[in-house]
């Protein structure tokens, strides 16, 4: 079955909604991800995760919102950024469009850190306003424990091991291994800011040689484990929501 709403006609969408009400909405942004990953990495990760989970969760998939709140790395080409209130208003109405048409189990899959707070707030507000179930998945936060099984935690971060692994697994042809250089890495330290960022790759500690950064076999294993856990988490969450808040 085709899952992407972009590729479904009116009859097919109505047929789905006559029996089901679940939809993935991927969120990302345009943002520099070093010189080795595409600027749409956040979009690709969110959309690919949604595609990977939709079949088992019997959900449709909305088109990805490819523009988000990119502030930290906005100085790098070709970042997108907006007024916070404008973005929040837009995503509120976007999600309400789907609710209006009968989708009442919504999964917001987010690939970008700048979108976390507005998505959480909007999900909470709309779930109460419309009495629907909304799940937010900020994958790099939710599954950091899985990443730590495969990678050095000091070398995790923006455009580092986790995101490189996802792009290797989902769209390997877009990874430019030869372009990566350790001098692109900015080390994040609490209480120490650098504006604009001094590098388009940001890690939690000394970058070293980014051990295993381009190991595709490891990347695929990591990605598959994240997908499996994400499916399980969403299934369990919706089961719990149905018990606690049964439809009237």
Protein backbone atom coordinates (compact mmCIF):
# COMPACT_ATOMS: atom_id res chain seq x y z
CA UNK A 1 0.00 0.00 0.00
CA UNK A 2 1.17 3.53 -0.81
CA UNK A 3 1.66 5.44 2.44
CA UNK A 4 2.64 8.92 1.24
CA UNK A 5 -0.32 11.29 1.04
CA UNK A 6 1.45 13.09 -1.81
CA UNK A 7 0.97 9.97 -3.92
CA UNK A 8 -2.61 9.10 -2.92
CA UNK A 9 -5.79 10.27 -4.60
CA UNK A 10 -8.93 11.45 -2.82
CA UNK A 11 -10.64 8.05 -2.94
CA UNK A 12 -7.60 6.33 -1.45
CA UNK A 13 -7.30 8.85 1.38
CA UNK A 14 -11.01 8.58 2.17
CA UNK A 15 -10.82 4.80 2.15
CA UNK A 16 -7.95 4.88 4.65
CA UNK A 17 -9.77 7.33 6.92
CA UNK A 18 -12.90 5.20 6.91
CA UNK A 19 -10.98 2.58 8.91
CA UNK A 20 -7.90 4.34 10.38
CA UNK A 21 -6.73 7.74 11.58
CA UNK A 22 -2.97 7.65 11.99
CA UNK A 23 -0.42 9.91 10.29
CA UNK A 24 3.30 10.68 10.46
CA UNK A 25 4.31 14.32 9.97
CA UNK A 26 8.09 14.74 9.53
CA UNK A 27 9.76 18.02 10.55
CA UNK A 28 13.27 19.21 9.76
CA UNK A 29 15.10 22.23 8.36
CA UNK A 30 17.80 23.33 5.95
CA UNK A 31 21.07 23.56 7.85
CA UNK A 32 24.78 22.97 7.28
CA UNK A 33 25.91 19.49 8.37
CA UNK A 34 29.63 19.73 7.95
CA UNK A 35 31.05 19.38 4.46
CA UNK A 36 30.31 15.66 4.30
CA UNK A 37 26.52 15.55 4.77
CA UNK A 38 23.69 17.24 2.83
CA UNK A 39 22.05 20.44 4.09
CA UNK A 40 18.75 18.56 4.25
CA UNK A 41 20.06 15.93 6.66
CA UNK A 42 17.41 16.76 9.28
CA UNK A 43 14.66 16.41 6.67
CA UNK A 44 16.04 13.15 5.30
CA UNK A 45 16.34 11.61 8.77
CA UNK A 46 12.80 12.57 9.84
CA UNK A 47 11.23 11.48 6.56
CA UNK A 48 13.19 8.23 6.33
CA UNK A 49 12.27 7.27 9.89
CA UNK A 50 8.61 7.95 9.12
CA UNK A 51 8.80 5.87 5.95
CA UNK A 52 10.47 3.03 7.83
CA UNK A 53 7.80 2.90 10.54
CA UNK A 54 4.60 3.64 8.62
CA UNK A 55 3.90 0.17 7.26
CA UNK A 56 4.10 -1.64 10.58
CA UNK A 57 2.09 1.08 12.31
CA UNK A 58 -0.50 1.28 9.49
CA UNK A 59 -0.08 5.03 9.11
CA UNK A 60 -0.01 7.51 6.27
CA UNK A 61 2.86 9.97 5.83
CA UNK A 62 2.48 13.70 5.27
CA UNK A 63 5.00 15.67 3.20
CA UNK A 64 8.01 16.77 5.24
CA UNK A 65 8.11 20.35 6.51
CA UNK A 66 11.64 21.10 5.31
CA UNK A 67 12.01 24.54 6.88
CA UNK A 68 12.47 25.10 10.60
CA UNK A 69 14.10 27.20 13.29
CA UNK A 70 17.78 27.22 12.37
CA UNK A 71 19.51 29.81 14.52
CA UNK A 72 22.83 28.44 15.77
CA UNK A 73 24.07 27.53 12.29
CA UNK A 74 22.09 30.11 10.31
CA UNK A 75 25.33 31.82 9.25
CA UNK A 76 26.16 28.82 7.07
CA UNK A 77 24.56 28.42 3.65
CA UNK A 78 21.64 27.69 3.16
CA UNK A 79 20.06 27.68 6.61
CA UNK A 80 16.41 28.58 7.08
CA UNK A 81 15.13 30.47 10.09
CA UNK A 82 11.89 32.21 11.07
CA UNK A 83 10.30 34.22 13.80
CA UNK A 84 9.39 31.79 16.59
CA UNK A 85 5.77 32.94 16.73
CA UNK A 86 5.39 32.65 12.96
CA UNK A 87 6.75 29.11 12.94
CA UNK A 88 4.62 28.06 15.90
CA UNK A 89 1.49 29.49 14.31
CA UNK A 90 2.21 27.76 11.02
CA UNK A 91 2.85 24.30 12.49
CA UNK A 92 -0.23 24.68 14.68
CA UNK A 93 -2.44 25.28 11.66
CA UNK A 94 -0.65 22.61 9.65
CA UNK A 95 -1.38 19.96 12.27
CA UNK A 96 -4.93 21.24 12.72
CA UNK A 97 -5.53 20.70 9.00
CA UNK A 98 -4.94 16.98 9.45
CA UNK A 99 -7.03 16.85 12.61
CA UNK A 100 -9.88 18.60 10.74
CA UNK A 101 -9.87 15.83 8.12
CA UNK A 102 -10.11 13.03 10.67
CA UNK A 103 -6.57 12.12 11.67
CA UNK A 104 -6.64 11.70 15.45
CA UNK A 105 -3.42 9.73 16.06
CA UNK A 106 -0.55 11.95 14.95
CA UNK A 107 3.18 11.21 15.14
CA UNK A 108 5.41 14.27 14.79
CA UNK A 109 8.88 13.04 13.83
CA UNK A 110 11.46 15.77 14.28
CA UNK A 111 15.00 15.87 12.94
CA UNK A 112 16.11 19.29 14.18
CA UNK A 113 16.95 20.62 17.63
CA UNK A 114 15.55 24.09 17.04
CA UNK A 115 12.08 22.62 16.50
CA UNK A 116 11.88 20.73 19.79
CA UNK A 117 10.25 23.32 22.04
CA UNK A 118 7.60 24.58 19.61
CA UNK A 119 6.62 21.05 18.57
CA UNK A 120 6.25 19.91 22.18
CA UNK A 121 4.13 22.95 23.05
CA UNK A 122 1.91 22.66 19.99
CA UNK A 123 1.44 18.91 20.52
CA UNK A 124 0.37 19.46 24.11
CA UNK A 125 -1.96 22.35 23.27
CA UNK A 126 -3.66 20.65 20.32
CA UNK A 127 -4.09 17.30 22.05
CA UNK A 128 -6.10 19.03 24.75
CA UNK A 129 -7.98 21.38 22.43
CA UNK A 130 -9.08 18.70 19.96
CA UNK A 131 -9.04 15.58 22.19
CA UNK A 132 -6.64 13.75 19.89
CA UNK A 133 -3.48 11.73 20.53
CA UNK A 134 -0.17 13.28 19.49
CA UNK A 135 3.29 11.77 19.88
CA UNK A 136 6.50 13.72 19.35
CA UNK A 137 9.72 11.89 18.46
CA UNK A 138 12.98 13.84 18.65
CA UNK A 139 14.95 10.79 17.59
CA UNK A 140 18.51 11.78 18.63
CA UNK A 141 17.26 12.54 22.15
CA UNK A 142 14.84 9.62 22.50
CA UNK A 143 17.38 7.05 21.36
CA UNK A 144 20.66 8.45 22.66
CA UNK A 145 21.08 5.26 24.68
CA UNK A 146 21.12 3.19 21.48
CA UNK A 147 23.68 5.55 19.96
CA UNK A 148 25.95 5.08 22.97
CA UNK A 149 26.01 1.33 22.29
CA UNK A 150 27.48 1.94 18.85
CA UNK A 151 29.48 5.17 19.16
CA UNK A 152 31.76 7.13 21.46
CA UNK A 153 29.53 9.54 23.38
CA UNK A 154 32.21 12.27 23.18
CA UNK A 155 31.98 12.12 19.40
CA UNK A 156 28.19 12.29 19.18
CA UNK A 157 26.42 15.50 18.19
CA UNK A 158 25.45 17.62 15.22
CA UNK A 159 26.58 16.15 11.86
CA UNK A 160 28.66 13.66 13.83
CA UNK A 161 28.25 9.94 14.36
CA UNK A 162 24.47 9.53 14.70
CA UNK A 163 23.41 11.70 11.76
CA UNK A 164 26.22 10.42 9.56
CA UNK A 165 25.09 6.88 10.37
CA UNK A 166 21.49 7.64 9.38
CA UNK A 167 22.49 9.17 6.04
CA UNK A 168 24.83 6.23 5.38
CA UNK A 169 21.94 3.86 6.05
CA UNK A 170 19.19 5.79 4.27
CA UNK A 171 20.98 7.63 1.41
CA UNK A 172 24.60 6.50 1.26
CA UNK A 173 25.26 8.27 -2.06
CA UNK A 174 24.84 11.66 -0.35
CA UNK A 175 27.74 11.11 2.08
CA UNK A 176 31.01 12.77 0.92
CA UNK A 177 33.61 11.02 3.08
CA UNK A 178 36.54 12.87 1.48
CA UNK A 179 35.13 16.23 2.59
CA UNK A 180 35.20 15.49 6.30
CA UNK A 181 37.95 17.15 8.35
CA UNK A 182 38.46 17.26 12.10
CA UNK A 183 39.09 21.02 11.95
CA UNK A 184 35.39 21.46 11.01
CA UNK A 185 34.40 20.27 14.47
CA UNK A 186 33.35 22.67 17.21
CA UNK A 187 33.37 21.21 20.73
CA UNK A 188 30.28 22.14 22.71
CA UNK A 189 30.96 23.22 26.29
CA UNK A 190 28.35 24.37 28.80
CA UNK A 191 28.78 28.03 29.53
CA UNK A 192 30.98 28.63 26.48
CA UNK A 193 29.36 30.16 23.40
CA UNK A 194 30.70 30.92 19.94
CA UNK A 195 28.65 33.11 17.57
CA UNK A 196 28.51 32.20 14.80
CA UNK A 197 29.54 28.60 15.33
CA UNK A 198 33.20 28.05 14.57
CA UNK A 199 32.47 24.81 12.77
CA UNK A 200 29.55 23.09 10.99
CA UNK A 201 30.06 19.88 13.02
CA UNK A 202 29.39 20.03 16.77
CA UNK A 203 30.33 17.30 19.26
CA UNK A 204 30.23 16.82 23.01
CA UNK A 205 33.96 16.35 23.45
CA UNK A 206 37.29 15.93 21.72
CA UNK A 207 36.58 14.79 18.15
CA UNK A 208 39.66 12.62 17.77
CA UNK A 209 39.43 10.77 14.47
CA UNK A 210 35.67 10.17 14.74
CA UNK A 211 36.19 6.44 15.15
CA UNK A 212 33.82 4.43 12.98
CA UNK A 213 32.27 7.55 11.45
CA UNK A 214 31.89 6.03 7.98
CA UNK A 215 31.35 2.40 8.98
CA UNK A 216 28.19 1.57 7.04
CA UNK A 217 27.65 -1.85 8.59
CA UNK A 218 27.62 -0.28 12.05
CA UNK A 219 25.43 2.56 10.75
CA UNK A 220 22.80 0.16 9.40
CA UNK A 221 22.71 -1.88 12.63
CA UNK A 222 22.30 1.29 14.68
CA UNK A 223 19.59 2.63 12.38
CA UNK A 224 17.63 -0.63 12.40
CA UNK A 225 17.70 -0.75 16.19
CA UNK A 226 16.41 2.82 16.43
CA UNK A 227 13.57 2.03 14.01
CA UNK A 228 12.58 -1.14 15.89
CA UNK A 229 12.51 0.68 19.22
CA UNK A 230 10.64 3.62 17.78
CA UNK A 231 7.89 1.36 16.40
CA UNK A 232 7.57 -0.37 19.76
CA UNK A 233 7.45 2.94 21.65
CA UNK A 234 4.75 4.38 19.39
CA UNK A 235 2.63 1.22 19.61
CA UNK A 236 2.85 1.18 23.39
CA UNK A 237 2.12 4.89 23.69
CA UNK A 238 -1.03 4.68 21.59
CA UNK A 239 -2.23 1.63 23.53
CA UNK A 240 -1.82 3.54 26.77
CA UNK A 241 -3.57 6.61 25.38
CA UNK A 242 -6.54 4.54 24.27
CA UNK A 243 -6.91 3.03 27.73
CA UNK A 244 -6.61 6.36 29.53
CA UNK A 245 -8.58 8.45 27.04
CA UNK A 246 -11.07 6.20 25.24
CA UNK A 247 -12.92 7.75 22.31
CA UNK A 248 -16.48 8.70 23.15
